[in-house]
Amino acid sequence: MNAETELLAVRAAELYYEDGKTQDEIGAILHLTRWKVGRLLTQAKEAGFIRIEIVHPRARRLPLERELRNRFGLQDAVVVPRAGAESEAELRTRVAAGAAEYLTQLRPVPRTLGISWGRTMHDVAQALGEGWANGVNVVQINGGVSLNRRASTAANTAVTIAQKAGGSATLLPSPAILEEAETRRAIERDRTVAGVLELGRSANAYVFTAGTVDPRSVLVESGYLSAEEAGELVRKGAVADVLGRFIDADGNIIDPALDERTLGLGIEDIRGAGTAIAVISGESKHDICRVVVASGLCTVLVTDDDTAQHLLEGAA
């Protein structure tokens, strides 16, 4: 493309994309045929003069999704744009909406869906539309009875997802972490609790998030751990909380004694699942997302484009 053609291509692109002119109108302005205008626009694209960006919250970053699937062997990936999200909470809501849309389109529809709980899962429940599926049994796969005055969202999340699918919710009526390992074992021997766990392990698909190991953790806010205990876990090498299980950078349990007191499905149940959808977003969870993906804890990742890029750059 010579200099004169380059200038014409740029001018045609400005008129078309910025001023909203039709190709016929541009032809009249530049004294060119409609065919020539179309050719200039094509040349402008091929030369990289034009960059089209879709920033709607429901938009997706398809090239990043393909690269994530190929690089990490995922069944699928959903990447939504961060552009326009002014806070981590707003970004979390946007990514949760992407997860809700993915669930709505998932085929076959899971007859039993295992879910974790927390702020992200609450957002997923809110984003799902009425009638997103028909007759799904939603089962809570880790304990979530709050130990303080902060209302637990675990039961509400499961019930909301189930009600919107015209199904039923099976709750796990237990704290996430018990004082003694023997207490946890005794509760798991209870017929009702054992039945919930058995149903959870037979789920067709799982949707879960992963939490931080710091005072912002929902386990700290819910009264299961103190900020000091969370800090001690970090000193031991904890990177993330998955289903109340604290894991290191390789995806291994960091504190076996604490894990023995934790009630619910374990990380190996998720790691061996046919469909395990992880919903993770935000700069504070970049390392957490890397651990979940790299250690095989999910088959599907729903995230934002910044986090996706961070994953790919780290795997280069």
Protein backbone atom coordinates (compact mmCIF):
# COMPACT_ATOMS: atom_id res chain seq x y z
CA MET A 1 0.00 0.00 0.00
CA ASN A 2 1.57 3.30 -1.07
CA ALA A 3 1.38 6.47 1.02
CA GLU A 4 -1.56 7.94 -0.90
CA THR A 5 -3.62 4.77 -0.61
CA GLU A 6 -2.74 4.50 3.09
CA LEU A 7 -4.07 7.99 3.76
CA LEU A 8 -7.25 7.25 1.82
CA ALA A 9 -7.73 3.99 3.77
CA VAL A 10 -7.36 5.81 7.10
CA ARG A 11 -9.78 8.55 6.03
CA ALA A 12 -12.32 6.00 4.82
CA ALA A 13 -12.04 4.13 8.12
CA GLU A 14 -12.54 7.34 10.12
CA LEU A 15 -15.65 8.22 8.15
CA TYR A 16 -17.05 4.69 8.39
CA TYR A 17 -16.28 3.77 12.02
CA GLU A 18 -16.17 7.16 13.76
CA ASP A 19 -18.64 9.26 11.78
CA GLY A 20 -21.04 6.43 10.93
CA LYS A 21 -21.08 7.18 7.19
CA THR A 22 -22.23 4.55 4.72
CA GLN A 23 -19.88 3.36 1.97
CA ASP A 24 -21.94 5.26 -0.59
CA GLU A 25 -21.64 8.47 1.46
CA ILE A 26 -17.90 7.97 1.86
CA GLY A 27 -17.58 7.46 -1.89
CA ALA A 28 -19.31 10.78 -2.54
CA ILE A 29 -17.05 12.57 -0.04
CA LEU A 30 -13.81 11.07 -1.37
CA HIS A 31 -14.93 10.94 -5.02
CA LEU A 32 -14.52 7.16 -5.13
CA THR A 33 -16.73 4.26 -6.15
CA ARG A 34 -18.49 2.22 -3.47
CA TRP A 35 -16.35 -0.76 -4.48
CA LYS A 36 -13.15 1.27 -3.96
CA VAL A 37 -14.33 2.38 -0.51
CA GLY A 38 -15.00 -1.23 0.48
CA ARG A 39 -11.55 -2.19 -0.75
CA LEU A 40 -9.94 0.63 1.28
CA LEU A 41 -11.73 -0.51 4.45
CA THR A 42 -10.50 -4.07 3.89
CA GLN A 43 -6.94 -2.82 3.39
CA ALA A 44 -7.18 -0.73 6.55
CA LYS A 45 -8.17 -3.85 8.55
CA GLU A 46 -5.42 -5.97 7.02
CA ALA A 47 -2.82 -3.26 7.76
CA GLY A 48 -3.88 -3.12 11.43
CA PHE A 49 -5.21 0.45 11.27
CA ILE A 50 -8.55 -0.64 12.73
CA ARG A 51 -9.09 -2.25 16.11
CA ILE A 52 -12.64 -3.19 17.00
CA GLU A 53 -13.32 -3.87 20.68
CA ILE A 54 -16.59 -5.11 22.14
CA VAL A 55 -16.82 -3.94 25.76
CA HIS A 56 -20.33 -5.03 26.70
CA PRO A 57 -20.30 -7.13 29.93
CA ARG A 58 -21.71 -10.10 28.02
CA ALA A 59 -19.02 -9.92 25.34
CA ARG A 60 -16.38 -12.65 25.21
CA ARG A 61 -12.72 -12.84 24.30
CA LEU A 62 -12.79 -15.79 21.91
CA PRO A 63 -9.07 -15.88 20.97
CA LEU A 64 -8.11 -15.93 24.66
CA GLU A 65 -10.63 -18.70 25.27
CA ARG A 66 -9.10 -20.83 22.50
CA GLU A 67 -5.60 -20.25 23.82
CA LEU A 68 -6.60 -21.19 27.37
CA ARG A 69 -8.20 -24.42 26.14
CA ASN A 70 -5.14 -25.33 24.11
CA ARG A 71 -2.53 -24.34 26.66
CA PHE A 72 -4.12 -25.95 29.72
CA GLY A 73 -6.15 -28.77 28.18
CA LEU A 74 -9.46 -27.35 29.36
CA GLN A 75 -12.75 -28.57 27.97
CA ASP A 76 -13.90 -24.98 27.67
CA ALA A 77 -13.18 -21.42 28.78
CA VAL A 78 -15.26 -18.26 29.06
CA VAL A 79 -13.39 -14.95 29.14
CA VAL A 80 -15.24 -11.67 29.68
CA PRO A 81 -13.73 -8.18 29.30
CA ARG A 82 -12.65 -6.19 32.30
CA ALA A 83 -12.98 -2.87 30.41
CA GLY A 84 -15.52 -0.64 32.14
CA ALA A 85 -15.52 -2.54 35.46
CA GLU A 86 -14.53 0.07 38.05
CA SER A 87 -14.07 -2.31 41.00
CA GLU A 88 -13.30 -5.91 41.85
CA ALA A 89 -16.92 -6.34 42.95
CA GLU A 90 -18.22 -5.06 39.62
CA LEU A 91 -15.83 -7.34 37.75
CA ARG A 92 -16.90 -10.30 39.91
CA THR A 93 -20.54 -9.59 39.03
CA ARG A 94 -19.67 -9.43 35.33
CA VAL A 95 -17.77 -12.73 35.39
CA ALA A 96 -20.56 -14.35 37.41
CA ALA A 97 -22.97 -13.32 34.65
CA GLY A 98 -20.69 -15.09 32.17
CA ALA A 99 -20.81 -18.22 34.33
CA ALA A 100 -24.61 -18.01 34.54
CA GLU A 101 -24.86 -17.78 30.77
CA TYR A 102 -22.53 -20.76 30.38
CA LEU A 103 -24.65 -22.81 32.78
CA THR A 104 -27.79 -21.89 30.87
CA GLN A 105 -26.24 -23.15 27.63
CA LEU A 106 -24.61 -26.27 29.13
CA ARG A 107 -25.65 -29.49 27.38
CA PRO A 108 -26.63 -31.97 28.47
CA VAL A 109 -28.38 -30.14 31.29
CA PRO A 110 -26.98 -31.49 34.58
CA ARG A 111 -29.71 -33.26 36.49
CA THR A 112 -27.65 -32.85 39.67
CA LEU A 113 -25.45 -29.77 40.07
CA GLY A 114 -22.95 -29.53 42.92
CA ILE A 115 -22.09 -26.02 44.08
CA SER A 116 -19.83 -24.30 46.58
CA TRP A 117 -20.74 -21.02 48.27
CA GLY A 118 -19.34 -17.54 48.74
CA ARG A 119 -19.66 -14.09 47.20
CA THR A 120 -18.98 -15.20 43.63
CA MET A 121 -21.48 -18.06 43.80
CA HIS A 122 -24.05 -15.69 45.25
CA ASP A 123 -23.53 -13.46 42.20
CA VAL A 124 -23.93 -16.45 39.87
CA ALA A 125 -27.24 -17.30 41.52
CA GLN A 126 -28.44 -13.72 41.13
CA ALA A 127 -27.40 -13.60 37.46
CA LEU A 128 -29.24 -16.77 36.45
CA GLY A 129 -32.57 -16.14 34.79
CA GLU A 130 -35.85 -17.77 35.72
CA GLY A 131 -36.21 -21.04 33.84
CA TRP A 132 -32.50 -21.33 33.08
CA ALA A 133 -33.05 -25.10 33.21
CA ASN A 134 -35.82 -27.50 34.13
CA GLY A 135 -35.81 -29.77 37.18
CA VAL A 136 -32.19 -29.48 38.33
CA ASN A 137 -31.32 -30.77 41.79
CA VAL A 138 -28.76 -28.39 43.29
CA VAL A 139 -26.64 -29.89 46.05
CA GLN A 140 -24.39 -27.98 48.44
CA ILE A 141 -20.99 -29.70 48.49
CA ASN A 142 -19.28 -28.00 51.44
CA GLY A 143 -20.55 -26.97 54.85
CA GLY A 144 -21.70 -23.39 55.15
CA VAL A 145 -23.55 -22.79 58.41
CA SER A 146 -22.24 -19.43 59.66
CA LEU A 147 -20.65 -19.29 63.10
CA ASN A 148 -21.28 -15.58 63.68
CA ARG A 149 -24.03 -13.06 63.16
CA ARG A 150 -23.22 -12.61 59.49
CA ALA A 151 -25.99 -14.41 57.61
CA SER A 152 -24.74 -17.38 55.65
CA THR A 153 -25.34 -17.23 51.91
CA ALA A 154 -24.66 -20.93 51.35
CA ALA A 155 -28.26 -22.12 51.68
CA ASN A 156 -29.69 -19.06 49.93
CA THR A 157 -27.38 -19.58 46.97
CA ALA A 158 -28.35 -23.21 46.48
CA VAL A 159 -32.07 -22.52 46.91
CA THR A 160 -32.01 -19.59 44.46
CA ILE A 161 -30.24 -21.58 41.74
CA ALA A 162 -32.62 -24.51 42.21
CA GLN A 163 -35.79 -22.41 42.29
CA LYS A 164 -34.83 -20.64 39.08
CA ALA A 165 -34.42 -24.05 37.45
CA GLY A 166 -37.73 -25.39 38.71
CA GLY A 167 -35.79 -27.94 40.74
CA SER A 168 -34.91 -28.70 44.34
CA ALA A 169 -32.05 -27.85 46.66
CA THR A 170 -30.28 -30.35 48.88
CA LEU A 171 -28.41 -28.55 51.65
CA LEU A 172 -25.48 -29.65 53.78
CA PRO A 173 -26.60 -28.69 57.32
CA SER A 174 -23.19 -28.39 58.91
CA PRO A 175 -20.40 -25.92 59.61
CA ALA A 176 -17.54 -25.94 57.11
CA ILE A 177 -14.87 -26.55 59.74
CA LEU A 178 -15.35 -28.40 63.03
CA GLU A 179 -13.38 -28.10 66.26
CA GLU A 180 -12.29 -31.75 66.22
CA ALA A 181 -11.68 -34.27 63.45
CA GLU A 182 -13.71 -36.87 65.35
CA THR A 183 -16.67 -34.47 65.43
CA ARG A 184 -16.47 -34.14 61.66
CA ARG A 185 -16.34 -37.90 61.23
CA ALA A 186 -19.33 -38.34 63.55
CA ILE A 187 -21.39 -35.79 61.63
CA GLU A 188 -20.49 -37.42 58.32
CA ARG A 189 -21.74 -40.74 59.69
CA ASP A 190 -25.17 -39.18 60.22
CA ARG A 191 -27.54 -40.67 57.66
CA THR A 192 -28.79 -37.32 56.39
CA VAL A 193 -25.34 -35.78 56.00
CA ALA A 194 -23.94 -38.95 54.46
CA GLY A 195 -26.78 -38.89 51.93
CA VAL A 196 -26.02 -35.30 50.94
CA LEU A 197 -22.32 -36.08 50.46
CA GLU A 198 -23.14 -39.16 48.41
CA LEU A 199 -25.46 -37.11 46.21
CA GLY A 200 -22.77 -34.45 45.85
CA ARG A 201 -20.21 -36.99 44.69
CA SER A 202 -22.64 -38.27 42.04
CA ALA A 203 -23.34 -34.80 40.60
CA ASN A 204 -23.20 -34.44 36.81
CA ALA A 205 -21.39 -31.10 37.07
CA TYR A 206 -19.88 -28.78 39.66
CA VAL A 207 -19.66 -25.00 39.85
CA PHE A 208 -17.30 -23.53 42.40
CA THR A 209 -15.09 -20.58 43.18
CA ALA A 210 -11.78 -20.25 44.99
CA GLY A 211 -11.09 -17.86 47.82
CA THR A 212 -8.21 -15.84 49.18
CA VAL A 213 -6.31 -16.79 52.31
CA ASP A 214 -6.43 -13.50 54.22
CA PRO A 215 -8.81 -11.45 56.38
CA ARG A 216 -11.09 -10.97 53.33
CA SER A 217 -11.76 -14.70 53.15
CA VAL A 218 -15.39 -15.70 53.58
CA LEU A 219 -14.19 -18.33 56.06
CA VAL A 220 -12.73 -15.56 58.23
CA GLU A 221 -15.83 -13.40 57.84
CA SER A 222 -18.07 -16.35 58.69
CA GLY A 223 -16.17 -17.06 61.91
CA TYR A 224 -14.43 -20.31 60.99
CA LEU A 225 -10.93 -18.86 61.14
CA SER A 226 -9.35 -15.83 62.76
CA ALA A 227 -7.22 -13.41 60.78
CA GLU A 228 -4.22 -14.73 62.70
CA GLU A 229 -5.01 -18.33 61.70
CA ALA A 230 -5.34 -17.26 58.08
CA GLY A 231 -1.95 -15.57 58.34
CA GLU A 232 -0.42 -18.75 59.73
CA LEU A 233 -1.79 -20.72 56.78
CA VAL A 234 -0.15 -18.25 54.41
CA ARG A 235 3.16 -18.68 56.24
CA LYS A 236 2.83 -22.43 55.70
CA GLY A 237 2.40 -21.83 51.97
CA ALA A 238 -1.37 -21.67 51.47
CA VAL A 239 -2.38 -19.92 48.24
CA ALA A 240 -6.09 -20.62 47.90
CA ASP A 241 -9.21 -21.96 49.55
CA VAL A 242 -11.21 -24.41 47.42
CA LEU A 243 -14.32 -25.85 49.12
CA GLY A 244 -12.81 -24.79 52.46
CA ARG A 245 -9.68 -26.80 51.67
CA PHE A 246 -6.46 -24.79 51.80
CA ILE A 247 -3.99 -25.64 49.05
CA ASP A 248 -0.44 -24.64 48.13
CA ALA A 249 0.98 -23.53 44.78
CA ASP A 250 0.94 -27.12 43.52
CA GLY A 251 -2.67 -27.74 44.48
CA ASN A 252 -1.86 -29.89 47.52
CA ILE A 253 -3.46 -29.66 50.96
CA ILE A 254 -1.31 -27.38 53.10
CA ASP A 255 -2.55 -28.37 56.58
CA PRO A 256 -3.72 -32.01 56.84
CA ALA A 257 -4.88 -31.55 60.43
CA LEU A 258 -7.16 -28.67 59.46
CA ASP A 259 -8.35 -30.60 56.43
CA GLU A 260 -9.37 -33.45 58.72
CA ARG A 261 -11.73 -31.02 60.47
CA THR A 262 -13.27 -29.75 57.20
CA LEU A 263 -16.63 -31.16 56.18
CA GLY A 264 -17.70 -31.62 52.57
CA LEU A 265 -16.35 -32.91 49.31
CA GLY A 266 -12.57 -32.86 48.97
CA ILE A 267 -10.42 -31.42 46.21
CA GLU A 268 -9.84 -34.89 44.74
CA ASP A 269 -13.60 -35.23 44.22
CA ILE A 270 -13.50 -32.06 42.10
CA ARG A 271 -10.22 -32.93 40.39
CA GLY A 272 -11.69 -36.19 39.15
CA ALA A 273 -14.98 -34.71 37.93
CA GLY A 274 -16.09 -34.81 34.32
CA THR A 275 -17.35 -31.22 34.43
CA ALA A 276 -15.96 -28.84 37.04
CA ILE A 277 -16.56 -25.15 36.33
CA ALA A 278 -14.32 -22.70 38.21
CA VAL A 279 -15.50 -19.08 38.39
CA ILE A 280 -12.55 -16.84 39.36
CA SER A 281 -11.85 -13.18 38.64
CA GLY A 282 -9.81 -10.17 39.65
CA GLU A 283 -6.18 -9.24 40.18
CA SER A 284 -6.23 -10.46 43.79
CA LYS A 285 -6.99 -13.96 42.50
CA HIS A 286 -4.43 -14.22 39.69
CA ASP A 287 -2.23 -16.68 41.60
CA ILE A 288 -5.29 -18.53 42.88
CA CYS A 289 -6.58 -18.99 39.36
CA ARG A 290 -3.21 -20.29 38.22
CA VAL A 291 -3.19 -22.94 40.97
CA VAL A 292 -6.73 -24.10 40.20
CA VAL A 293 -6.10 -24.40 36.47
CA ALA A 294 -2.56 -25.77 36.55
CA SER A 295 -3.34 -28.42 39.18
CA GLY A 296 -6.30 -29.81 37.23
CA LEU A 297 -9.02 -28.69 39.61
CA CYS A 298 -11.31 -27.50 36.82
CA THR A 299 -12.32 -28.58 33.34
CA VAL A 300 -13.95 -25.23 32.53
CA LEU A 301 -12.70 -21.78 33.54
CA VAL A 302 -14.82 -18.63 33.65
CA THR A 303 -12.70 -15.53 34.21
CA ASP A 304 -11.81 -12.02 33.01
CA ASP A 305 -9.39 -11.10 30.23
CA ASP A 306 -6.71 -9.69 32.56
CA THR A 307 -6.63 -12.91 34.57
CA ALA A 308 -6.62 -15.00 31.39
CA GLN A 309 -3.67 -13.02 30.03
CA HIS A 310 -1.82 -13.41 33.32
CA LEU A 311 -2.31 -17.18 33.14
CA LEU A 312 -1.03 -17.39 29.58
CA GLU A 313 2.00 -15.19 30.24
CA GLY A 314 2.95 -17.30 33.23
CA ALA A 315 2.66 -20.48 31.17
CA ALA A 316 4.77 -19.14 28.29
